Amino acid sequence: MALLSNEMLEVFGQLALATFLGVLIGVERELARKTAGMRTFALVSLGSALFTIISQLAFGGFVGTSFDPSRIASQVVVGIGFIGAGSIIFSRSRIRGLTTAAGLWVSAAIGMAVAYKMYSIAIFTTLVTIFVLVFLWFIEQKILKRIGHPVASAEDED
C-alpha cells in the first residue's frame, strides 16, 4: 500500500475527521473544567478509529472464515470501559466523572463510525452528544432548582 494512494489518503481523512469530532466533544468538557478534555476525547476517537481501520485492512481477507475481525472493534469498547472507569470518582457519597466516562464511550463509538465510513452518523452523533452535554445540563439545573435541590456549577456536576 503506497503512502499517498487514494486508499491511504481516505484513511488519513478518516483519522482526521475522527480526531476533529472528538475535539468538538472535548471542548465542552474543557469549558466545564473537567479533567478529560479536548486532547483526551480527540485521542479516544482517533484511537478507536485507528483500531477499527486496522481490523478492516489487516483482517478483511478473513471475512467468510472462522476468524471474526469484528472482535477487534469489540475490544475497543472494552478498553474504553477501562478508561471510563478510571475517570469515575466516588467521594463524600457522591459519584463524579460518570458523564465524562459516558462521553469517552460515545467518542470511541464516533471514531469507530468514522472508520466504517459512516460519516453522517458520526457527525450527527457528535452534534447530539454536544447537545446532551451542553443544553441538557441547563435543563437539568432548572429542574433541580424547581424541585428544591441545590443547583451545582458546571465544575461540581458530572
N, C-alpha and C. Protein backbone atom coordinates (compact mmCIF):
# COMPACT_ATOMS: atom_id res chain seq x y z
N MET A 1 0.83 -1.17 0.00
CA MET A 1 0.00 0.00 0.00
C MET A 1 0.89 1.24 0.00
N ALA A 2 0.75 2.04 -1.02
CA ALA A 2 1.57 3.25 -1.14
C ALA A 2 1.12 4.29 -0.13
N LEU A 3 2.07 5.07 0.34
CA LEU A 3 1.79 6.07 1.36
C LEU A 3 0.76 7.09 0.90
N LEU A 4 0.81 7.50 -0.35
CA LEU A 4 -0.12 8.52 -0.83
C LEU A 4 -1.13 7.97 -1.83
N SER A 5 -1.46 6.71 -1.71
CA SER A 5 -2.50 6.14 -2.57
C SER A 5 -3.85 6.74 -2.18
N ASN A 6 -4.83 6.60 -3.04
CA ASN A 6 -6.17 7.10 -2.73
C ASN A 6 -6.72 6.46 -1.47
N GLU A 7 -6.45 5.17 -1.30
CA GLU A 7 -6.92 4.47 -0.10
C GLU A 7 -6.28 5.04 1.16
N MET A 8 -4.98 5.32 1.11
CA MET A 8 -4.31 5.88 2.29
C MET A 8 -4.77 7.30 2.56
N LEU A 9 -4.99 8.09 1.53
CA LEU A 9 -5.50 9.45 1.72
C LEU A 9 -6.88 9.42 2.38
N GLU A 10 -7.70 8.44 1.98
CA GLU A 10 -9.01 8.29 2.60
C GLU A 10 -8.86 7.92 4.08
N VAL A 11 -7.95 7.03 4.39
CA VAL A 11 -7.70 6.63 5.78
C VAL A 11 -7.23 7.84 6.59
N PHE A 12 -6.31 8.63 6.02
CA PHE A 12 -5.83 9.82 6.72
C PHE A 12 -6.98 10.79 6.98
N GLY A 13 -7.87 10.92 6.01
CA GLY A 13 -9.05 11.78 6.18
C GLY A 13 -9.96 11.25 7.27
N GLN A 14 -10.15 9.94 7.31
CA GLN A 14 -10.97 9.33 8.36
C GLN A 14 -10.38 9.60 9.74
N LEU A 15 -9.09 9.43 9.87
CA LEU A 15 -8.44 9.66 11.16
C LEU A 15 -8.55 11.13 11.57
N ALA A 16 -8.39 12.03 10.60
CA ALA A 16 -8.52 13.46 10.89
C ALA A 16 -9.95 13.80 11.32
N LEU A 17 -10.95 13.25 10.62
CA LEU A 17 -12.35 13.51 10.97
C LEU A 17 -12.67 12.97 12.36
N ALA A 18 -12.23 11.76 12.66
CA ALA A 18 -12.48 11.18 13.98
C ALA A 18 -11.85 12.06 15.06
N THR A 19 -10.65 12.54 14.83
CA THR A 19 -9.98 13.41 15.80
C THR A 19 -10.75 14.71 15.99
N PHE A 20 -11.16 15.33 14.88
CA PHE A 20 -11.91 16.58 14.93
C PHE A 20 -13.22 16.43 15.70
N LEU A 21 -13.94 15.35 15.44
CA LEU A 21 -15.21 15.14 16.13
C LEU A 21 -14.98 14.92 17.63
N GLY A 22 -13.93 14.21 17.97
CA GLY A 22 -13.57 14.04 19.39
C GLY A 22 -13.23 15.37 20.05
N VAL A 23 -12.52 16.22 19.32
CA VAL A 23 -12.19 17.56 19.83
C VAL A 23 -13.45 18.35 20.12
N LEU A 24 -14.43 18.28 19.21
CA LEU A 24 -15.67 19.04 19.41
C LEU A 24 -16.34 18.68 20.73
N ILE A 25 -16.38 17.40 21.04
CA ILE A 25 -16.98 16.98 22.31
C ILE A 25 -16.08 17.39 23.47
N GLY A 26 -14.79 17.26 23.30
CA GLY A 26 -13.84 17.63 24.35
C GLY A 26 -13.86 19.11 24.69
N VAL A 27 -14.20 19.96 23.74
CA VAL A 27 -14.29 21.40 24.00
C VAL A 27 -15.30 21.67 25.10
N GLU A 28 -16.45 21.01 25.03
CA GLU A 28 -17.47 21.21 26.07
C GLU A 28 -16.92 20.77 27.42
N ARG A 29 -16.22 19.66 27.48
CA ARG A 29 -15.66 19.18 28.74
C ARG A 29 -14.61 20.16 29.26
N GLU A 30 -13.82 20.75 28.36
CA GLU A 30 -12.84 21.77 28.76
C GLU A 30 -13.56 22.98 29.36
N LEU A 31 -14.60 23.44 28.68
CA LEU A 31 -15.36 24.60 29.17
C LEU A 31 -16.02 24.32 30.52
N ALA A 32 -16.37 23.06 30.75
CA ALA A 32 -16.95 22.66 32.03
C ALA A 32 -15.87 22.37 33.07
N ARG A 33 -14.62 22.58 32.69
CA ARG A 33 -13.45 22.40 33.56
C ARG A 33 -13.31 20.97 34.09
N LYS A 34 -13.49 20.01 33.20
CA LYS A 34 -13.33 18.60 33.56
C LYS A 34 -11.90 18.17 33.24
N THR A 35 -11.44 17.13 33.90
CA THR A 35 -10.07 16.68 33.69
C THR A 35 -9.87 16.06 32.32
N ALA A 36 -10.87 15.38 31.81
CA ALA A 36 -10.79 14.83 30.45
C ALA A 36 -11.37 15.87 29.50
N GLY A 37 -10.53 16.41 28.64
CA GLY A 37 -10.97 17.48 27.76
C GLY A 37 -10.70 17.18 26.30
N MET A 38 -10.33 18.21 25.57
CA MET A 38 -10.15 18.10 24.11
C MET A 38 -9.16 17.01 23.73
N ARG A 39 -8.01 17.01 24.36
CA ARG A 39 -6.98 16.04 23.97
C ARG A 39 -7.42 14.61 24.27
N THR A 40 -8.03 14.39 25.43
CA THR A 40 -8.47 13.04 25.79
C THR A 40 -9.53 12.54 24.82
N PHE A 41 -10.55 13.36 24.58
CA PHE A 41 -11.62 12.95 23.67
C PHE A 41 -11.11 12.77 22.25
N ALA A 42 -10.21 13.64 21.81
CA ALA A 42 -9.63 13.50 20.47
C ALA A 42 -8.86 12.19 20.35
N LEU A 43 -8.07 11.87 21.36
CA LEU A 43 -7.27 10.64 21.31
C LEU A 43 -8.14 9.39 21.38
N VAL A 44 -9.20 9.42 22.17
CA VAL A 44 -10.10 8.26 22.24
C VAL A 44 -10.76 8.04 20.89
N SER A 45 -11.26 9.10 20.28
CA SER A 45 -11.92 8.97 18.99
C SER A 45 -10.92 8.53 17.91
N LEU A 46 -9.75 9.13 17.90
CA LEU A 46 -8.70 8.76 16.95
C LEU A 46 -8.27 7.31 17.13
N GLY A 47 -8.02 6.92 18.37
CA GLY A 47 -7.57 5.55 18.64
C GLY A 47 -8.59 4.51 18.24
N SER A 48 -9.85 4.77 18.54
CA SER A 48 -10.87 3.78 18.18
C SER A 48 -11.03 3.70 16.66
N ALA A 49 -10.89 4.84 15.98
CA ALA A 49 -10.93 4.82 14.52
C ALA A 49 -9.76 4.02 13.96
N LEU A 50 -8.59 4.24 14.51
CA LEU A 50 -7.40 3.53 14.02
C LEU A 50 -7.53 2.02 14.24
N PHE A 51 -7.96 1.60 15.42
CA PHE A 51 -8.13 0.17 15.67
C PHE A 51 -9.14 -0.44 14.71
N THR A 52 -10.20 0.28 14.44
CA THR A 52 -11.23 -0.22 13.53
C THR A 52 -10.70 -0.31 12.11
N ILE A 53 -9.95 0.70 11.67
CA ILE A 53 -9.36 0.68 10.33
C ILE A 53 -8.37 -0.47 10.21
N ILE A 54 -7.57 -0.65 11.24
CA ILE A 54 -6.61 -1.76 11.23
C ILE A 54 -7.35 -3.09 11.09
N SER A 55 -8.44 -3.25 11.84
CA SER A 55 -9.17 -4.51 11.76
C SER A 55 -9.74 -4.72 10.37
N GLN A 56 -10.14 -3.65 9.69
CA GLN A 56 -10.67 -3.77 8.33
C GLN A 56 -9.56 -4.10 7.33
N LEU A 57 -8.47 -3.35 7.39
CA LEU A 57 -7.42 -3.51 6.40
C LEU A 57 -6.58 -4.76 6.61
N ALA A 58 -6.24 -5.03 7.84
CA ALA A 58 -5.35 -6.15 8.11
C ALA A 58 -6.06 -7.50 8.10
N PHE A 59 -7.34 -7.49 8.45
CA PHE A 59 -8.04 -8.76 8.60
C PHE A 59 -9.23 -8.92 7.66
N GLY A 60 -9.40 -7.99 6.73
CA GLY A 60 -10.52 -8.05 5.79
C GLY A 60 -10.52 -9.31 4.95
N GLY A 61 -9.36 -9.87 4.69
CA GLY A 61 -9.26 -11.09 3.91
C GLY A 61 -9.80 -12.32 4.62
N PHE A 62 -10.06 -12.18 5.90
CA PHE A 62 -10.55 -13.32 6.68
C PHE A 62 -12.08 -13.41 6.69
N VAL A 63 -12.76 -12.44 6.07
CA VAL A 63 -14.22 -12.46 6.05
C VAL A 63 -14.69 -13.74 5.38
N GLY A 64 -15.64 -14.42 6.00
CA GLY A 64 -16.14 -15.68 5.47
C GLY A 64 -15.43 -16.88 6.05
N THR A 65 -14.40 -16.64 6.85
CA THR A 65 -13.70 -17.74 7.51
C THR A 65 -14.15 -17.78 8.97
N SER A 66 -13.55 -18.64 9.75
CA SER A 66 -13.92 -18.74 11.17
C SER A 66 -13.34 -17.58 11.99
N PHE A 67 -12.43 -16.79 11.40
CA PHE A 67 -11.87 -15.63 12.09
C PHE A 67 -12.82 -14.45 11.95
N ASP A 68 -13.09 -13.76 13.02
CA ASP A 68 -14.02 -12.65 13.01
C ASP A 68 -13.29 -11.34 13.31
N PRO A 69 -13.03 -10.51 12.29
CA PRO A 69 -12.31 -9.26 12.52
C PRO A 69 -13.09 -8.26 13.38
N SER A 70 -14.38 -8.45 13.53
CA SER A 70 -15.15 -7.52 14.36
C SER A 70 -14.79 -7.64 15.84
N ARG A 71 -14.10 -8.71 16.21
CA ARG A 71 -13.69 -8.87 17.60
C ARG A 71 -12.73 -7.76 18.03
N ILE A 72 -11.94 -7.24 17.09
CA ILE A 72 -11.04 -6.14 17.42
C ILE A 72 -11.85 -4.92 17.82
N ALA A 73 -12.88 -4.60 17.03
CA ALA A 73 -13.74 -3.46 17.36
C ALA A 73 -14.41 -3.66 18.71
N SER A 74 -14.83 -4.87 19.01
CA SER A 74 -15.50 -5.11 20.30
C SER A 74 -14.52 -4.90 21.46
N GLN A 75 -13.26 -5.16 21.25
CA GLN A 75 -12.26 -4.96 22.30
C GLN A 75 -11.99 -3.47 22.53
N VAL A 76 -12.23 -2.64 21.51
CA VAL A 76 -12.13 -1.19 21.70
C VAL A 76 -13.15 -0.77 22.75
N VAL A 77 -14.35 -1.29 22.65
CA VAL A 77 -15.40 -0.95 23.61
C VAL A 77 -14.98 -1.35 25.02
N VAL A 78 -14.39 -2.51 25.17
CA VAL A 78 -13.93 -2.98 26.49
C VAL A 78 -12.83 -2.06 27.02
N GLY A 79 -11.88 -1.72 26.16
CA GLY A 79 -10.78 -0.85 26.57
C GLY A 79 -11.26 0.53 27.00
N ILE A 80 -12.22 1.07 26.29
CA ILE A 80 -12.76 2.37 26.64
C ILE A 80 -13.49 2.28 27.98
N GLY A 81 -14.12 1.16 28.25
CA GLY A 81 -14.75 0.97 29.55
C GLY A 81 -13.74 1.06 30.68
N PHE A 82 -12.56 0.56 30.44
CA PHE A 82 -11.49 0.62 31.43
C PHE A 82 -11.06 2.08 31.66
N ILE A 83 -10.88 2.83 30.57
CA ILE A 83 -10.52 4.24 30.69
C ILE A 83 -11.63 5.01 31.40
N GLY A 84 -12.87 4.74 31.00
CA GLY A 84 -14.00 5.42 31.62
C GLY A 84 -14.09 5.15 33.10
N ALA A 85 -13.86 3.90 33.50
CA ALA A 85 -13.91 3.55 34.92
C ALA A 85 -12.86 4.33 35.70
N GLY A 86 -11.73 4.59 35.08
CA GLY A 86 -10.68 5.36 35.74
C GLY A 86 -11.03 6.82 35.92
N SER A 87 -12.00 7.32 35.17
CA SER A 87 -12.37 8.73 35.29
C SER A 87 -13.50 8.94 36.29
N ILE A 88 -14.05 7.86 36.84
CA ILE A 88 -15.14 7.96 37.80
C ILE A 88 -14.58 7.97 39.22
N ILE A 89 -15.02 8.94 40.00
CA ILE A 89 -14.53 9.10 41.37
C ILE A 89 -15.73 9.05 42.31
N PHE A 90 -15.59 8.29 43.38
CA PHE A 90 -16.61 8.26 44.43
C PHE A 90 -16.03 8.93 45.65
N SER A 91 -16.61 10.06 46.05
CA SER A 91 -16.09 10.81 47.17
C SER A 91 -17.23 11.48 47.90
N ARG A 92 -17.21 11.39 49.22
CA ARG A 92 -18.23 12.03 50.05
C ARG A 92 -19.64 11.65 49.63
N SER A 93 -19.84 10.38 49.38
CA SER A 93 -21.14 9.84 48.97
C SER A 93 -21.65 10.42 47.65
N ARG A 94 -20.75 10.90 46.83
CA ARG A 94 -21.11 11.43 45.51
C ARG A 94 -20.25 10.76 44.44
N ILE A 95 -20.87 10.55 43.30
CA ILE A 95 -20.15 10.00 42.16
C ILE A 95 -19.84 11.15 41.21
N ARG A 96 -18.59 11.25 40.81
CA ARG A 96 -18.18 12.28 39.86
C ARG A 96 -17.45 11.61 38.70
N GLY A 97 -17.60 12.16 37.53
CA GLY A 97 -16.89 11.65 36.36
C GLY A 97 -17.73 10.72 35.49
N LEU A 98 -18.93 10.43 35.90
CA LEU A 98 -19.76 9.50 35.15
C LEU A 98 -20.12 10.03 33.77
N THR A 99 -20.43 11.32 33.68
CA THR A 99 -20.76 11.91 32.39
C THR A 99 -19.53 11.93 31.49
N THR A 100 -18.38 12.22 32.05
CA THR A 100 -17.15 12.20 31.27
C THR A 100 -16.87 10.79 30.75
N ALA A 101 -17.06 9.79 31.60
CA ALA A 101 -16.86 8.40 31.17
C ALA A 101 -17.81 8.04 30.03
N ALA A 102 -19.07 8.46 30.15
CA ALA A 102 -20.04 8.19 29.09
C ALA A 102 -19.65 8.92 27.81
N GLY A 103 -19.15 10.13 27.96
CA GLY A 103 -18.71 10.89 26.79
C GLY A 103 -17.53 10.23 26.09
N LEU A 104 -16.61 9.69 26.87
CA LEU A 104 -15.47 8.96 26.28
C LEU A 104 -15.96 7.73 25.52
N TRP A 105 -16.93 7.05 26.09
CA TRP A 105 -17.50 5.86 25.45
C TRP A 105 -18.13 6.22 24.11
N VAL A 106 -18.92 7.31 24.10
CA VAL A 106 -19.55 7.76 22.85
C VAL A 106 -18.48 8.22 21.86
N SER A 107 -17.46 8.90 22.35
CA SER A 107 -16.38 9.36 21.48
C SER A 107 -15.70 8.19 20.78
N ALA A 108 -15.53 7.09 21.49
CA ALA A 108 -14.95 5.89 20.87
C ALA A 108 -15.87 5.35 19.78
N ALA A 109 -17.16 5.35 20.05
CA ALA A 109 -18.11 4.88 19.04
C ALA A 109 -18.09 5.78 17.81
N ILE A 110 -17.95 7.07 18.02
CA ILE A 110 -17.87 8.01 16.90
C ILE A 110 -16.64 7.71 16.06
N GLY A 111 -15.52 7.47 16.70
CA GLY A 111 -14.31 7.11 15.96
C GLY A 111 -14.50 5.84 15.15
N MET A 112 -15.18 4.86 15.73
CA MET A 112 -15.45 3.62 15.01
C MET A 112 -16.38 3.87 13.83
N ALA A 113 -17.38 4.72 14.02
CA ALA A 113 -18.31 5.03 12.92
C ALA A 113 -17.56 5.68 11.76
N VAL A 114 -16.64 6.58 12.07
CA VAL A 114 -15.84 7.21 11.01
C VAL A 114 -15.02 6.15 10.29
N ALA A 115 -14.42 5.25 11.05
CA ALA A 115 -13.59 4.21 10.44
C ALA A 115 -14.39 3.30 9.52
N TYR A 116 -15.65 3.08 9.85
CA TYR A 116 -16.51 2.27 8.99
C TYR A 116 -17.20 3.09 7.90
N LYS A 117 -16.73 4.34 7.74
CA LYS A 117 -17.22 5.26 6.69
C LYS A 117 -18.68 5.65 6.88
N MET A 118 -19.10 5.67 8.11
CA MET A 118 -20.45 6.10 8.44
C MET A 118 -20.38 7.57 8.88
N TYR A 119 -19.95 8.42 7.96
CA TYR A 119 -19.63 9.81 8.29
C TYR A 119 -20.83 10.58 8.81
N SER A 120 -21.97 10.48 8.16
CA SER A 120 -23.13 11.25 8.60
C SER A 120 -23.59 10.80 9.98
N ILE A 121 -23.49 9.52 10.26
CA ILE A 121 -23.85 9.01 11.59
C ILE A 121 -22.89 9.56 12.63
N ALA A 122 -21.60 9.58 12.32
CA ALA A 122 -20.59 10.09 13.26
C ALA A 122 -20.80 11.58 13.54
N ILE A 123 -21.05 12.35 12.50
CA ILE A 123 -21.27 13.79 12.67
C ILE A 123 -22.55 14.05 13.45
N PHE A 124 -23.62 13.37 13.10
CA PHE A 124 -24.89 13.54 13.81
C PHE A 124 -24.73 13.16 15.28
N THR A 125 -24.06 12.06 15.56
CA THR A 125 -23.85 11.62 16.94
C THR A 125 -23.03 12.64 17.72
N THR A 126 -22.04 13.23 17.07
CA THR A 126 -21.24 14.28 17.72
C THR A 126 -22.14 15.45 18.12
N LEU A 127 -23.00 15.89 17.20
CA LEU A 127 -23.90 17.00 17.49
C LEU A 127 -24.88 16.66 18.62
N VAL A 128 -25.42 15.44 18.59
CA VAL A 128 -26.33 15.01 19.65
C VAL A 128 -25.60 14.96 21.00
N THR A 129 -24.37 14.47 20.99
CA THR A 129 -23.58 14.39 22.23
C THR A 129 -23.34 15.78 22.80
N ILE A 130 -22.97 16.73 21.96
CA ILE A 130 -22.76 18.10 22.42
C ILE A 130 -24.07 18.68 22.96
N PHE A 131 -25.18 18.40 22.29
CA PHE A 131 -26.49 18.83 22.77
C PHE A 131 -26.75 18.29 24.17
N VAL A 132 -26.51 17.01 24.36
CA VAL A 132 -26.73 16.38 25.66
C VAL A 132 -25.84 17.01 26.73
N LEU A 133 -24.57 17.21 26.41
CA LEU A 133 -23.64 17.74 27.41
C LEU A 133 -23.90 19.21 27.74
N VAL A 134 -24.31 20.00 26.76
CA VAL A 134 -24.47 21.44 26.99
C VAL A 134 -25.91 21.79 27.36
N PHE A 135 -26.82 21.54 26.47
CA PHE A 135 -28.19 22.02 26.66
C PHE A 135 -28.95 21.24 27.72
N LEU A 136 -28.77 19.95 27.79
CA LEU A 136 -29.48 19.18 28.81
C LEU A 136 -28.97 19.49 30.21
N TRP A 137 -27.71 19.93 30.32
CA TRP A 137 -27.19 20.34 31.63
C TRP A 137 -27.99 21.53 32.15
N PHE A 138 -28.26 22.51 31.28
CA PHE A 138 -29.05 23.68 31.69
C PHE A 138 -30.47 23.26 32.09
N ILE A 139 -31.08 22.38 31.34
CA ILE A 139 -32.43 21.91 31.67
C ILE A 139 -32.41 21.16 32.99
N GLU A 140 -31.40 20.32 33.17
CA GLU A 140 -31.27 19.57 34.42
C GLU A 140 -31.17 20.52 35.61
N GLN A 141 -30.39 21.58 35.47
CA GLN A 141 -30.22 22.54 36.55
C GLN A 141 -31.53 23.26 36.87
N LYS A 142 -32.31 23.59 35.85
CA LYS A 142 -33.61 24.25 36.07
C LYS A 142 -34.57 23.32 36.80
N ILE A 143 -34.56 22.04 36.43
CA ILE A 143 -35.42 21.06 37.10
C ILE A 143 -35.01 20.92 38.56
N LEU A 144 -33.72 20.80 38.81
CA LEU A 144 -33.24 20.66 40.19
C LEU A 144 -33.60 21.88 41.02
N LYS A 145 -33.48 23.06 40.43
CA LYS A 145 -33.83 24.29 41.15
C LYS A 145 -35.32 24.32 41.47
N ARG A 146 -36.13 23.90 40.52
CA ARG A 146 -37.58 23.93 40.69
C ARG A 146 -38.03 22.98 41.80
N ILE A 147 -37.38 21.82 41.93
CA ILE A 147 -37.80 20.85 42.96
C ILE A 147 -37.07 21.06 44.28
N GLY A 148 -36.25 22.10 44.35
CA GLY A 148 -35.63 22.45 45.62
C GLY A 148 -34.27 21.85 45.89
N HIS A 149 -33.67 21.20 44.93
CA HIS A 149 -32.32 20.68 45.11
C HIS A 149 -31.32 21.80 44.87
N PRO A 150 -30.19 21.75 45.54
CA PRO A 150 -29.19 22.79 45.29
C PRO A 150 -28.67 22.68 43.84
N VAL A 151 -28.52 23.82 43.21
CA VAL A 151 -28.03 23.86 41.84
C VAL A 151 -26.52 23.91 41.88
N ALA A 152 -25.88 23.04 41.12
CA ALA A 152 -24.43 22.96 41.11
C ALA A 152 -23.87 23.76 39.94
N SER A 153 -22.62 24.12 40.09
CA SER A 153 -21.92 24.75 38.98
C SER A 153 -21.46 23.65 38.03
N ALA A 154 -21.06 24.02 36.84
CA ALA A 154 -20.59 23.04 35.85
C ALA A 154 -19.38 22.29 36.39
N GLU A 155 -18.60 22.93 37.26
CA GLU A 155 -17.42 22.27 37.84
C GLU A 155 -17.81 21.15 38.80
N ASP A 156 -18.93 21.37 39.53
CA ASP A 156 -19.34 20.41 40.55
C ASP A 156 -20.04 19.19 39.96
N GLU A 157 -20.79 19.39 38.91
CA GLU A 157 -21.61 18.32 38.33
C GLU A 157 -20.82 17.49 37.35
N ASP A 158 -21.17 16.24 37.27
CA ASP A 158 -20.64 15.36 36.23
C ASP A 158 -21.48 14.18 36.12
